[in-house]
């Protein structure tokens, strides 16, 4: 597969799938490759930090997730938004992690119920 084909497929993927693929690819990297990726990400984030910081602030508040409770996390669009939000949650934010887990748990319970019908 050519690089242009890979990039085209990647661009057409949903945010959830891109994040999953990136995680899997990073797990395959060795230390110096991860260091290079880290430097590239830091430079890219510096350029885009202003856009990210507002969203990051929002997704790190438990109140942000009430929109998912009202509309549900059961279709692709809210699930993609939740996946993007999850990528921006700080690693020490337990209240938000619990809110996300609750939403995903509700989704898995409903999906399991649908499978048994």
PDB file of N, CA and C in Angstrom:
ATOM      1  N   UNK A   1       0.845  -1.175   0.000  1.00  0.00           N
ATOM      2  CA  UNK A   1       0.000   0.000   0.000  1.00  0.00           C
ATOM      3  C   UNK A   1       0.892   1.241   0.000  1.00  0.00           C
ATOM      4  N   UNK A   2       0.575   2.209  -0.830  1.00  0.00           N
ATOM      5  CA  UNK A   2       1.355   3.439  -0.918  1.00  0.00           C
ATOM      6  C   UNK A   2       0.988   4.383   0.230  1.00  0.00           C
ATOM      7  N   UNK A   3       1.919   5.254   0.564  1.00  0.00           N
ATOM      8  CA  UNK A   3       1.704   6.210   1.639  1.00  0.00           C
ATOM      9  C   UNK A   3       0.472   7.067   1.379  1.00  0.00           C
ATOM     10  N   UNK A   4       0.289   7.515   0.157  1.00  0.00           N
ATOM     11  CA  UNK A   4      -0.882   8.345  -0.158  1.00  0.00           C
ATOM     12  C   UNK A   4      -2.181   7.584   0.075  1.00  0.00           C
ATOM     13  N   UNK A   5      -2.186   6.295  -0.201  1.00  0.00           N
ATOM     14  CA  UNK A   5      -3.377   5.477   0.031  1.00  0.00           C
ATOM     15  C   UNK A   5      -3.643   5.321   1.527  1.00  0.00           C
ATOM     16  N   UNK A   6      -2.564   5.116   2.278  1.00  0.00           N
ATOM     17  CA  UNK A   6      -2.701   4.983   3.730  1.00  0.00           C
ATOM     18  C   UNK A   6      -3.254   6.274   4.332  1.00  0.00           C
ATOM     19  N   UNK A   7      -2.713   7.408   3.900  1.00  0.00           N
ATOM     20  CA  UNK A   7      -3.182   8.703   4.405  1.00  0.00           C
ATOM     21  C   UNK A   7      -4.644   8.942   4.038  1.00  0.00           C
ATOM     22  N   UNK A   8      -5.023   8.566   2.848  1.00  0.00           N
ATOM     23  CA  UNK A   8      -6.413   8.735   2.407  1.00  0.00           C
ATOM     24  C   UNK A   8      -7.359   7.903   3.274  1.00  0.00           C
ATOM     25  N   UNK A   9      -6.987   6.652   3.530  1.00  0.00           N
ATOM     26  CA  UNK A   9      -7.809   5.783   4.379  1.00  0.00           C
ATOM     27  C   UNK A   9      -7.879   6.360   5.789  1.00  0.00           C
ATOM     28  N   UNK A  10      -6.742   6.815   6.320  1.00  0.00           N
ATOM     29  CA  UNK A  10      -6.684   7.377   7.664  1.00  0.00           C
ATOM     30  C   UNK A  10      -7.596   8.594   7.788  1.00  0.00           C
ATOM     31  N   UNK A  11      -7.577   9.467   6.785  1.00  0.00           N
ATOM     32  CA  UNK A  11      -8.407  10.674   6.817  1.00  0.00           C
ATOM     33  C   UNK A  11      -9.886  10.343   6.776  1.00  0.00           C
ATOM     34  N   UNK A  12     -10.242   9.240   6.182  1.00  0.00           N
ATOM     35  CA  UNK A  12     -11.653   8.854   6.073  1.00  0.00           C
ATOM     36  C   UNK A  12     -12.157   8.114   7.305  1.00  0.00           C
ATOM     37  N   UNK A  13     -11.250   7.720   8.180  1.00  0.00           N
ATOM     38  CA  UNK A  13     -11.637   6.987   9.385  1.00  0.00           C
ATOM     39  C   UNK A  13     -12.306   7.930  10.388  1.00  0.00           C
ATOM     40  N   UNK A  14     -13.131   7.359  11.242  1.00  0.00           N
ATOM     41  CA  UNK A  14     -13.741   8.155  12.304  1.00  0.00           C
ATOM     42  C   UNK A  14     -12.671   8.511  13.335  1.00  0.00           C
ATOM     43  N   UNK A  15     -12.942   9.503  14.148  1.00  0.00           N
ATOM     44  CA  UNK A  15     -11.993   9.911  15.182  1.00  0.00           C
ATOM     45  C   UNK A  15     -11.689   8.750  16.121  1.00  0.00           C
ATOM     46  N   UNK A  16     -12.701   7.974  16.474  1.00  0.00           N
ATOM     47  CA  UNK A  16     -12.496   6.815  17.361  1.00  0.00           C
ATOM     48  C   UNK A  16     -11.504   5.841  16.753  1.00  0.00           C
ATOM     49  N   UNK A  17     -11.701   5.526  15.482  1.00  0.00           N
ATOM     50  CA  UNK A  17     -10.827   4.565  14.814  1.00  0.00           C
ATOM     51  C   UNK A  17      -9.408   5.106  14.651  1.00  0.00           C
ATOM     52  N   UNK A  18      -9.289   6.409  14.384  1.00  0.00           N
ATOM     53  CA  UNK A  18      -7.952   6.994  14.244  1.00  0.00           C
ATOM     54  C   UNK A  18      -7.193   6.932  15.574  1.00  0.00           C
ATOM     55  N   UNK A  19      -7.870   7.265  16.664  1.00  0.00           N
ATOM     56  CA  UNK A  19      -7.234   7.216  17.981  1.00  0.00           C
ATOM     57  C   UNK A  19      -6.811   5.787  18.299  1.00  0.00           C
ATOM     58  N   UNK A  20      -7.681   4.829  18.030  1.00  0.00           N
ATOM     59  CA  UNK A  20      -7.360   3.424  18.286  1.00  0.00           C
ATOM     60  C   UNK A  20      -6.150   2.986  17.465  1.00  0.00           C
ATOM     61  N   UNK A  21      -6.138   3.339  16.184  1.00  0.00           N
ATOM     62  CA  UNK A  21      -5.032   2.980  15.309  1.00  0.00           C
ATOM     63  C   UNK A  21      -3.725   3.624  15.779  1.00  0.00           C
ATOM     64  N   UNK A  22      -3.786   4.901  16.148  1.00  0.00           N
ATOM     65  CA  UNK A  22      -2.587   5.573  16.634  1.00  0.00           C
ATOM     66  C   UNK A  22      -2.031   4.888  17.880  1.00  0.00           C
ATOM     67  N   UNK A  23      -2.918   4.510  18.795  1.00  0.00           N
ATOM     68  CA  UNK A  23      -2.469   3.817  20.009  1.00  0.00           C
ATOM     69  C   UNK A  23      -1.785   2.500  19.664  1.00  0.00           C
ATOM     70  N   UNK A  24      -2.380   1.756  18.758  1.00  0.00           N
ATOM     71  CA  UNK A  24      -1.790   0.475  18.355  1.00  0.00           C
ATOM     72  C   UNK A  24      -0.437   0.681  17.678  1.00  0.00           C
ATOM     73  N   UNK A  25      -0.336   1.696  16.839  1.00  0.00           N
ATOM     74  CA  UNK A  25       0.923   1.965  16.150  1.00  0.00           C
ATOM     75  C   UNK A  25       2.005   2.400  17.141  1.00  0.00           C
ATOM     76  N   UNK A  26       1.643   3.236  18.116  1.00  0.00           N
ATOM     77  CA  UNK A  26       2.619   3.699  19.108  1.00  0.00           C
ATOM     78  C   UNK A  26       3.140   2.542  19.964  1.00  0.00           C
ATOM     79  N   UNK A  27       2.287   1.562  20.207  1.00  0.00           N
ATOM     80  CA  UNK A  27       2.715   0.398  20.976  1.00  0.00           C
ATOM     81  C   UNK A  27       3.777  -0.405  20.220  1.00  0.00           C
ATOM     82  N   UNK A  28       3.833  -0.265  18.919  1.00  0.00           N
ATOM     83  CA  UNK A  28       4.816  -0.983  18.098  1.00  0.00           C
ATOM     84  C   UNK A  28       6.154  -0.249  18.011  1.00  0.00           C
ATOM     85  N   UNK A  29       6.203   0.981  18.471  1.00  0.00           N
ATOM     86  CA  UNK A  29       7.411   1.798  18.324  1.00  0.00           C
ATOM     87  C   UNK A  29       8.450   1.462  19.388  1.00  0.00           C
ATOM     88  N   UNK A  30       9.706   1.720  19.023  1.00  0.00           N
ATOM     89  CA  UNK A  30      10.793   1.587  19.995  1.00  0.00           C
ATOM     90  C   UNK A  30      11.070   2.965  20.588  1.00  0.00           C
ATOM     91  N   UNK A  31      11.905   3.020  21.585  1.00  0.00           N
ATOM     92  CA  UNK A  31      12.103   4.232  22.381  1.00  0.00           C
ATOM     93  C   UNK A  31      12.459   5.464  21.553  1.00  0.00           C
ATOM     94  N   UNK A  32      13.436   5.362  20.675  1.00  0.00           N
ATOM     95  CA  UNK A  32      13.827   6.569  19.942  1.00  0.00           C
ATOM     96  C   UNK A  32      12.742   7.013  18.963  1.00  0.00           C
ATOM     97  N   UNK A  33      11.937   6.076  18.459  1.00  0.00           N
ATOM     98  CA  UNK A  33      10.815   6.472  17.602  1.00  0.00           C
ATOM     99  C   UNK A  33       9.757   7.214  18.419  1.00  0.00           C
ATOM    100  N   UNK A  34       9.506   6.732  19.631  1.00  0.00           N
ATOM    101  CA  UNK A  34       8.550   7.414  20.508  1.00  0.00           C
ATOM    102  C   UNK A  34       9.047   8.805  20.880  1.00  0.00           C
ATOM    103  N   UNK A  35      10.339   8.940  21.097  1.00  0.00           N
ATOM    104  CA  UNK A  35      10.917  10.245  21.394  1.00  0.00           C
ATOM    105  C   UNK A  35      10.704  11.201  20.218  1.00  0.00           C
ATOM    106  N   UNK A  36      10.911  10.717  19.015  1.00  0.00           N
ATOM    107  CA  UNK A  36      10.691  11.535  17.820  1.00  0.00           C
ATOM    108  C   UNK A  36       9.220  11.952  17.717  1.00  0.00           C
ATOM    109  N   UNK A  37       8.329  11.003  17.927  1.00  0.00           N
ATOM    110  CA  UNK A  37       6.887  11.299  17.879  1.00  0.00           C
ATOM    111  C   UNK A  37       6.543  12.346  18.933  1.00  0.00           C
ATOM    112  N   UNK A  38       7.111  12.204  20.118  1.00  0.00           N
ATOM    113  CA  UNK A  38       6.869  13.161  21.195  1.00  0.00           C
ATOM    114  C   UNK A  38       7.282  14.573  20.791  1.00  0.00           C
ATOM    115  N   UNK A  39       8.448  14.698  20.178  1.00  0.00           N
ATOM    116  CA  UNK A  39       8.929  16.023  19.745  1.00  0.00           C
ATOM    117  C   UNK A  39       8.014  16.609  18.668  1.00  0.00           C
ATOM    118  N   UNK A  40       7.604  15.792  17.725  1.00  0.00           N
ATOM    119  CA  UNK A  40       6.707  16.269  16.663  1.00  0.00           C
ATOM    120  C   UNK A  40       5.373  16.704  17.259  1.00  0.00           C
ATOM    121  N   UNK A  41       4.852  15.910  18.188  1.00  0.00           N
ATOM    122  CA  UNK A  41       3.575  16.254  18.822  1.00  0.00           C
ATOM    123  C   UNK A  41       3.684  17.550  19.627  1.00  0.00           C
ATOM    124  N   UNK A  42       4.779  17.714  20.346  1.00  0.00           N
ATOM    125  CA  UNK A  42       4.950  18.930  21.134  1.00  0.00           C
ATOM    126  C   UNK A  42       4.971  20.163  20.238  1.00  0.00           C
ATOM    127  N   UNK A  43       5.663  20.090  19.123  1.00  0.00           N
ATOM    128  CA  UNK A  43       5.710  21.223  18.193  1.00  0.00           C
ATOM    129  C   UNK A  43       4.349  21.479  17.559  1.00  0.00           C
ATOM    130  N   UNK A  44       3.655  20.416  17.192  1.00  0.00           N
ATOM    131  CA  UNK A  44       2.330  20.562  16.582  1.00  0.00           C
ATOM    132  C   UNK A  44       1.336  21.136  17.586  1.00  0.00           C
ATOM    133  N   UNK A  45       1.408  20.644  18.823  1.00  0.00           N
ATOM    134  CA  UNK A  45       0.497  21.133  19.851  1.00  0.00           C
ATOM    135  C   UNK A  45       0.737  22.601  20.178  1.00  0.00           C
ATOM    136  N   UNK A  46       1.987  23.045  20.137  1.00  0.00           N
ATOM    137  CA  UNK A  46       2.268  24.458  20.388  1.00  0.00           C
ATOM    138  C   UNK A  46       1.516  25.336  19.406  1.00  0.00           C
ATOM    139  N   UNK A  47       1.463  24.890  18.153  1.00  0.00           N
ATOM    140  CA  UNK A  47       0.774  25.654  17.118  1.00  0.00           C
ATOM    141  C   UNK A  47      -0.743  25.642  17.316  1.00  0.00           C
ATOM    142  N   UNK A  48      -1.265  24.531  17.816  1.00  0.00           N
ATOM    143  CA  UNK A  48      -2.713  24.371  17.905  1.00  0.00           C
ATOM    144  C   UNK A  48      -3.227  24.453  19.331  1.00  0.00           C
ATOM    145  N   UNK A  49      -2.379  24.798  20.269  1.00  0.00           N
ATOM    146  CA  UNK A  49      -2.734  24.765  21.678  1.00  0.00           C
ATOM    147  C   UNK A  49      -3.899  25.671  22.038  1.00  0.00           C
ATOM    148  N   UNK A  50      -3.992  26.820  21.434  1.00  0.00           N
ATOM    149  CA  UNK A  50      -5.083  27.737  21.756  1.00  0.00           C
ATOM    150  C   UNK A  50      -6.431  27.107  21.452  1.00  0.00           C
ATOM    151  N   UNK A  51      -6.539  26.398  20.340  1.00  0.00           N
ATOM    152  CA  UNK A  51      -7.793  25.737  19.990  1.00  0.00           C
ATOM    153  C   UNK A  51      -8.099  24.586  20.939  1.00  0.00           C
ATOM    154  N   UNK A  52      -7.089  23.860  21.338  1.00  0.00           N
ATOM    155  CA  UNK A  52      -7.271  22.684  22.176  1.00  0.00           C
ATOM    156  C   UNK A  52      -7.570  23.062  23.623  1.00  0.00           C
ATOM    157  N   UNK A  53      -6.965  24.129  24.113  1.00  0.00           N
ATOM    158  CA  UNK A  53      -7.068  24.438  25.535  1.00  0.00           C
ATOM    159  C   UNK A  53      -8.498  24.718  25.982  1.00  0.00           C
ATOM    160  N   UNK A  54      -9.314  25.379  25.178  1.00  0.00           N
ATOM    161  CA  UNK A  54     -10.704  25.620  25.566  1.00  0.00           C
ATOM    162  C   UNK A  54     -11.474  24.313  25.622  1.00  0.00           C
ATOM    163  N   UNK A  55     -11.325  23.501  24.603  1.00  0.00           N
ATOM    164  CA  UNK A  55     -12.018  22.213  24.567  1.00  0.00           C
ATOM    165  C   UNK A  55     -11.538  21.332  25.713  1.00  0.00           C
ATOM    166  N   UNK A  56     -10.232  21.330  25.950  1.00  0.00           N
ATOM    167  CA  UNK A  56      -9.675  20.525  27.037  1.00  0.00           C
ATOM    168  C   UNK A  56     -10.249  20.957  28.382  1.00  0.00           C
ATOM    169  N   UNK A  57     -10.405  22.255  28.567  1.00  0.00           N
ATOM    170  CA  UNK A  57     -11.008  22.759  29.798  1.00  0.00           C
ATOM    171  C   UNK A  57     -12.437  22.288  29.958  1.00  0.00           C
ATOM    172  N   UNK A  58     -13.190  22.290  28.860  1.00  0.00           N
ATOM    173  CA  UNK A  58     -14.584  21.845  28.900  1.00  0.00           C
ATOM    174  C   UNK A  58     -14.706  20.362  29.228  1.00  0.00           C
ATOM    175  N   UNK A  59     -13.923  19.530  28.545  1.00  0.00           N
ATOM    176  CA  UNK A  59     -14.071  18.083  28.720  1.00  0.00           C
ATOM    177  C   UNK A  59     -13.549  17.596  30.067  1.00  0.00           C
ATOM    178  N   UNK A  60     -12.831  18.438  30.784  1.00  0.00           N
ATOM    179  CA  UNK A  60     -12.352  18.059  32.105  1.00  0.00           C
ATOM    180  C   UNK A  60     -13.300  18.508  33.214  1.00  0.00           C
ATOM    181  N   UNK A  61     -14.521  18.880  32.830  1.00  0.00           N
ATOM    182  CA  UNK A  61     -15.570  19.224  33.794  1.00  0.00           C
ATOM    183  C   UNK A  61     -16.675  18.176  33.685  1.00  0.00           C
ATOM    184  N   UNK A  62     -17.131  17.683  34.812  1.00  0.00           N
ATOM    185  CA  UNK A  62     -18.164  16.649  34.827  1.00  0.00           C
ATOM    186  C   UNK A  62     -19.437  17.148  34.139  1.00  0.00           C
ATOM    187  N   UNK A  63     -19.731  18.420  34.242  1.00  0.00           N
ATOM    188  CA  UNK A  63     -20.956  18.967  33.648  1.00  0.00           C
ATOM    189  C   UNK A  63     -20.998  18.811  32.130  1.00  0.00           C
ATOM    190  N   UNK A  64     -19.845  18.731  31.486  1.00  0.00           N
ATOM    191  CA  UNK A  64     -19.787  18.550  30.030  1.00  0.00           C
ATOM    192  C   UNK A  64     -20.509  17.279  29.605  1.00  0.00           C
ATOM    193  N   UNK A  65     -20.485  16.260  30.434  1.00  0.00           N
ATOM    194  CA  UNK A  65     -21.009  14.950  30.064  1.00  0.00           C
ATOM    195  C   UNK A  65     -22.516  14.821  30.245  1.00  0.00           C
ATOM    196  N   UNK A  66     -23.149  15.863  30.784  1.00  0.00           N
ATOM    197  CA  UNK A  66     -24.610  15.820  30.914  1.00  0.00           C
ATOM    198  C   UNK A  66     -25.285  15.798  29.543  1.00  0.00           C
ATOM    199  N   UNK A  67     -24.644  16.369  28.523  1.00  0.00           N
ATOM    200  CA  UNK A  67     -25.235  16.327  27.180  1.00  0.00           C
ATOM    201  C   UNK A  67     -25.335  14.891  26.668  1.00  0.00           C
ATOM    202  N   UNK A  68     -24.408  14.047  27.078  1.00  0.00           N
ATOM    203  CA  UNK A  68     -24.453  12.647  26.666  1.00  0.00           C
ATOM    204  C   UNK A  68     -25.524  11.884  27.425  1.00  0.00           C
ATOM    205  N   UNK A  69     -25.730  12.257  28.684  1.00  0.00           N
ATOM    206  CA  UNK A  69     -26.768  11.595  29.469  1.00  0.00           C
ATOM    207  C   UNK A  69     -28.148  11.904  28.894  1.00  0.00           C
ATOM    208  N   UNK A  70     -28.318  13.134  28.409  1.00  0.00           N
ATOM    209  CA  UNK A  70     -29.602  13.535  27.850  1.00  0.00           C
ATOM    210  C   UNK A  70     -29.852  12.897  26.483  1.00  0.00           C
ATOM    211  N   UNK A  71     -28.838  12.946  25.620  1.00  0.00           N
ATOM    212  CA  UNK A  71     -29.018  12.454  24.256  1.00  0.00           C
ATOM    213  C   UNK A  71     -28.624  10.995  24.106  1.00  0.00           C
ATOM    214  N   UNK A  72     -27.841  10.479  25.030  1.00  0.00           N
ATOM    215  CA  UNK A  72     -27.373   9.097  24.957  1.00  0.00           C
ATOM    216  C   UNK A  72     -26.085   8.990  24.164  1.00  0.00           C
ATOM    217  N   UNK A  73     -25.390   7.914  24.384  1.00  0.00           N
ATOM    218  CA  UNK A  73     -24.115   7.670  23.706  1.00  0.00           C
ATOM    219  C   UNK A  73     -24.304   6.472  22.789  1.00  0.00           C
ATOM    220  N   UNK A  74     -25.422   6.421  22.138  1.00  0.00           N
ATOM    221  CA  UNK A  74     -25.805   5.185  21.479  1.00  0.00           C
ATOM    222  C   UNK A  74     -25.724   5.255  19.967  1.00  0.00           C
ATOM    223  N   UNK A  75     -25.431   6.416  19.428  1.00  0.00           N
ATOM    224  CA  UNK A  75     -25.218   6.516  17.987  1.00  0.00           C
ATOM    225  C   UNK A  75     -23.757   6.906  17.752  1.00  0.00           C
ATOM    226  N   UNK A  76     -23.344   6.910  16.505  1.00  0.00           N
ATOM    227  CA  UNK A  76     -21.929   7.149  16.180  1.00  0.00           C
ATOM    228  C   UNK A  76     -21.454   8.555  16.540  1.00  0.00           C
ATOM    229  N   UNK A  77     -22.264   9.580  16.262  1.00  0.00           N
ATOM    230  CA  UNK A  77     -21.795  10.954  16.494  1.00  0.00           C
ATOM    231  C   UNK A  77     -21.475  11.235  17.963  1.00  0.00           C
ATOM    232  N   UNK A  78     -22.402  10.950  18.907  1.00  0.00           N
ATOM    233  CA  UNK A  78     -22.027  11.181  20.310  1.00  0.00           C
ATOM    234  C   UNK A  78     -20.873  10.306  20.768  1.00  0.00           C
ATOM    235  N   UNK A  79     -20.786   9.102  20.238  1.00  0.00           N
ATOM    236  CA  UNK A  79     -19.685   8.220  20.622  1.00  0.00           C
ATOM    237  C   UNK A  79     -18.358   8.778  20.140  1.00  0.00           C
ATOM    238  N   UNK A  80     -18.325   9.360  18.950  1.00  0.00           N
ATOM    239  CA  UNK A  80     -17.095   9.989  18.452  1.00  0.00           C
ATOM    240  C   UNK A  80     -16.711  11.182  19.313  1.00  0.00           C
ATOM    241  N   UNK A  81     -17.708  11.999  19.682  1.00  0.00           N
ATOM    242  CA  UNK A  81     -17.425  13.155  20.541  1.00  0.00           C
ATOM    243  C   UNK A  81     -16.875  12.691  21.886  1.00  0.00           C
ATOM    244  N   UNK A  82     -17.441  11.613  22.409  1.00  0.00           N
ATOM    245  CA  UNK A  82     -16.976  11.089  23.682  1.00  0.00           C
ATOM    246  C   UNK A  82     -15.550  10.568  23.564  1.00  0.00           C
ATOM    247  N   UNK A  83     -15.226   9.936  22.468  1.00  0.00           N
ATOM    248  CA  UNK A  83     -13.860   9.426  22.255  1.00  0.00           C
ATOM    249  C   UNK A  83     -12.859  10.572  22.170  1.00  0.00           C
ATOM    250  N   UNK A  84     -13.227  11.630  21.469  1.00  0.00           N
ATOM    251  CA  UNK A  84     -12.338  12.796  21.384  1.00  0.00           C
ATOM    252  C   UNK A  84     -12.176  13.440  22.749  1.00  0.00           C
ATOM    253  N   UNK A  85     -13.267  13.536  23.491  1.00  0.00           N
ATOM    254  CA  UNK A  85     -13.197  14.108  24.836  1.00  0.00           C
ATOM    255  C   UNK A  85     -12.294  13.269  25.720  1.00  0.00           C
ATOM    256  N   UNK A  86     -12.422  11.960  25.614  1.00  0.00           N
ATOM    257  CA  UNK A  86     -11.613  11.064  26.425  1.00  0.00           C
ATOM    258  C   UNK A  86     -10.119  11.276  26.167  1.00  0.00           C
ATOM    259  N   UNK A  87      -9.776  11.584  24.934  1.00  0.00           N
ATOM    260  CA  UNK A  87      -8.374  11.825  24.588  1.00  0.00           C
ATOM    261  C   UNK A  87      -7.828  13.092  25.249  1.00  0.00           C
ATOM    262  N   UNK A  88      -8.705  14.010  25.658  1.00  0.00           N
ATOM    263  CA  UNK A  88      -8.259  15.276  26.251  1.00  0.00           C
ATOM    264  C   UNK A  88      -8.396  15.330  27.772  1.00  0.00           C
ATOM    265  N   UNK A  89      -8.962  14.298  28.367  1.00  0.00           N
ATOM    266  CA  UNK A  89      -9.142  14.292  29.815  1.00  0.00           C
ATOM    267  C   UNK A  89      -7.786  14.082  30.480  1.00  0.00           C
ATOM    268  N   UNK A  90      -7.523  14.872  31.506  1.00  0.00           N
ATOM    269  CA  UNK A  90      -6.251  14.722  32.216  1.00  0.00           C
ATOM    270  C   UNK A  90      -6.240  13.404  32.983  1.00  0.00           C
ATOM    271  N   UNK A  91      -5.063  12.848  33.157  1.00  0.00           N
ATOM    272  CA  UNK A  91      -4.959  11.504  33.729  1.00  0.00           C
ATOM    273  C   UNK A  91      -5.294  11.431  35.214  1.00  0.00           C
ATOM    274  N   UNK A  92      -5.422  12.557  35.888  1.00  0.00           N
ATOM    275  CA  UNK A  92      -5.752  12.540  37.312  1.00  0.00           C
ATOM    276  C   UNK A  92      -7.183  13.000  37.598  1.00  0.00           C
ATOM    277  N   UNK A  93      -8.013  13.042  36.576  1.00  0.00           N
ATOM    278  CA  UNK A  93      -9.373  13.557  36.727  1.00  0.00           C
ATOM    279  C   UNK A  93     -10.353  12.406  36.965  1.00  0.00           C
ATOM    280  N   UNK A  94     -10.404  11.931  38.193  1.00  0.00           N
ATOM    281  CA  UNK A  94     -11.247  10.787  38.528  1.00  0.00           C
ATOM    282  C   UNK A  94     -12.745  11.061  38.362  1.00  0.00           C
ATOM    283  N   UNK A  95     -13.280  12.222  38.748  1.00  0.00           N
ATOM    284  CA  UNK A  95     -14.718  12.452  38.560  1.00  0.00           C
ATOM    285  C   UNK A  95     -15.148  12.352  37.091  1.00  0.00           C
ATOM    286  N   UNK A  96     -14.339  12.897  36.198  1.00  0.00           N
ATOM    287  CA  UNK A  96     -14.670  12.816  34.776  1.00  0.00           C
ATOM    288  C   UNK A  96     -14.519  11.381  34.277  1.00  0.00           C
ATOM    289  N   UNK A  97     -13.482  10.685  34.719  1.00  0.00           N
ATOM    290  CA  UNK A  97     -13.298   9.284  34.332  1.00  0.00           C
ATOM    291  C   UNK A  97     -14.502   8.455  34.768  1.00  0.00           C
ATOM    292  N   UNK A  98     -15.015   8.716  35.955  1.00  0.00           N
ATOM    293  CA  UNK A  98     -16.193   7.992  36.439  1.00  0.00           C
ATOM    294  C   UNK A  98     -17.427   8.325  35.610  1.00  0.00           C
ATOM    295  N   UNK A  99     -17.577   9.592  35.210  1.00  0.00           N
ATOM    296  CA  UNK A  99     -18.718   9.977  34.368  1.00  0.00           C
ATOM    297  C   UNK A  99     -18.650   9.284  33.007  1.00  0.00           C
ATOM    298  N   UNK A 100     -17.462   9.224  32.431  1.00  0.00           N
ATOM    299  CA  UNK A 100     -17.289   8.549  31.137  1.00  0.00           C
ATOM    300  C   UNK A 100     -17.561   7.057  31.282  1.00  0.00           C
ATOM    301  N   UNK A 101     -17.024   6.450  32.339  1.00  0.00           N
ATOM    302  CA  UNK A 101     -17.252   5.016  32.563  1.00  0.00           C
ATOM    303  C   UNK A 101     -18.739   4.732  32.698  1.00  0.00           C
ATOM    304  N   UNK A 102     -19.454   5.575  33.429  1.00  0.00           N
ATOM    305  CA  UNK A 102     -20.897   5.392  33.618  1.00  0.00           C
ATOM    306  C   UNK A 102     -21.620   5.417  32.269  1.00  0.00           C
ATOM    307  N   UNK A 103     -21.253   6.374  31.411  1.00  0.00           N
ATOM    308  CA  UNK A 103     -21.879   6.466  30.091  1.00  0.00           C
ATOM    309  C   UNK A 103     -21.564   5.242  29.232  1.00  0.00           C
ATOM    310  N   UNK A 104     -20.321   4.833  29.226  1.00  0.00           N
ATOM    311  CA  UNK A 104     -19.939   3.669  28.420  1.00  0.00           C
ATOM    312  C   UNK A 104     -20.543   2.385  28.977  1.00  0.00           C
ATOM    313  N   UNK A 105     -20.676   2.309  30.291  1.00  0.00           N
ATOM    314  CA  UNK A 105     -21.297   1.145  30.913  1.00  0.00           C
ATOM    315  C   UNK A 105     -22.769   1.062  30.524  1.00  0.00           C
ATOM    316  N   UNK A 106     -23.456   2.192  30.512  1.00  0.00           N
ATOM    317  CA  UNK A 106     -24.859   2.221  30.078  1.00  0.00           C
ATOM    318  C   UNK A 106     -24.974   1.741  28.638  1.00  0.00           C
ATOM    319  N   UNK A 107     -24.058   2.199  27.802  1.00  0.00           N
ATOM    320  CA  UNK A 107     -24.060   1.789  26.395  1.00  0.00           C
ATOM    321  C   UNK A 107     -23.854   0.285  26.276  1.00  0.00           C
ATOM    322  N   UNK A 108     -22.890  -0.274  27.012  1.00  0.00           N
ATOM    323  CA  UNK A 108     -22.614  -1.705  26.900  1.00  0.00           C
ATOM    324  C   UNK A 108     -23.775  -2.539  27.435  1.00  0.00           C
ATOM    325  N   UNK A 109     -24.433  -2.086  28.487  1.00  0.00           N
ATOM    326  CA  UNK A 109     -25.598  -2.796  29.020  1.00  0.00           C
ATOM    327  C   UNK A 109     -26.714  -2.817  27.985  1.00  0.00           C
ATOM    328  N   UNK A 110     -26.974  -1.675  27.354  1.00  0.00           N
ATOM    329  CA  UNK A 110     -28.020  -1.622  26.343  1.00  0.00           C
ATOM    330  C   UNK A 110     -27.672  -2.466  25.115  1.00  0.00           C
ATOM    331  N   UNK A 111     -26.399  -2.431  24.701  1.00  0.00           N
ATOM    332  CA  UNK A 111     -25.987  -3.236  23.557  1.00  0.00           C
ATOM    333  C   UNK A 111     -26.126  -4.735  23.863  1.00  0.00           C
ATOM    334  N   UNK A 112     -25.788  -5.137  25.078  1.00  0.00           N
ATOM    335  CA  UNK A 112     -25.920  -6.535  25.477  1.00  0.00           C
ATOM    336  C   UNK A 112     -27.392  -6.939  25.496  1.00  0.00           C
ATOM    337  N   UNK A 113     -28.244  -6.030  25.940  1.00  0.00           N
ATOM    338  CA  UNK A 113     -29.684  -6.316  25.975  1.00  0.00           C
ATOM    339  C   UNK A 113     -30.233  -6.477  24.560  1.00  0.00           C
ATOM    340  N   UNK A 114     -29.750  -5.655  23.645  1.00  0.00           N
ATOM    341  CA  UNK A 114     -30.197  -5.747  22.237  1.00  0.00           C
ATOM    342  C   UNK A 114     -29.756  -7.054  21.610  1.00  0.00           C
ATOM    343  N   UNK A 115     -28.568  -7.534  21.963  1.00  0.00           N
ATOM    344  CA  UNK A 115     -28.064  -8.785  21.404  1.00  0.00           C
ATOM    345  C   UNK A 115     -28.861  -9.984  21.865  1.00  0.00           C
ATOM    346  N   UNK A 116     -29.424  -9.926  23.066  1.00  0.00           N
ATOM    347  CA  UNK A 116     -30.191 -11.054  23.594  1.00  0.00           C
ATOM    348  C   UNK A 116     -31.625 -11.060  23.094  1.00  0.00           C
ATOM    349  N   UNK A 117     -32.071  -9.967  22.496  1.00  0.00           N
ATOM    350  CA  UNK A 117     -33.453  -9.904  21.991  1.00  0.00           C
ATOM    351  C   UNK A 117     -33.637 -10.740  20.752  1.00  0.00           C
TER     352      UNK A 117
END
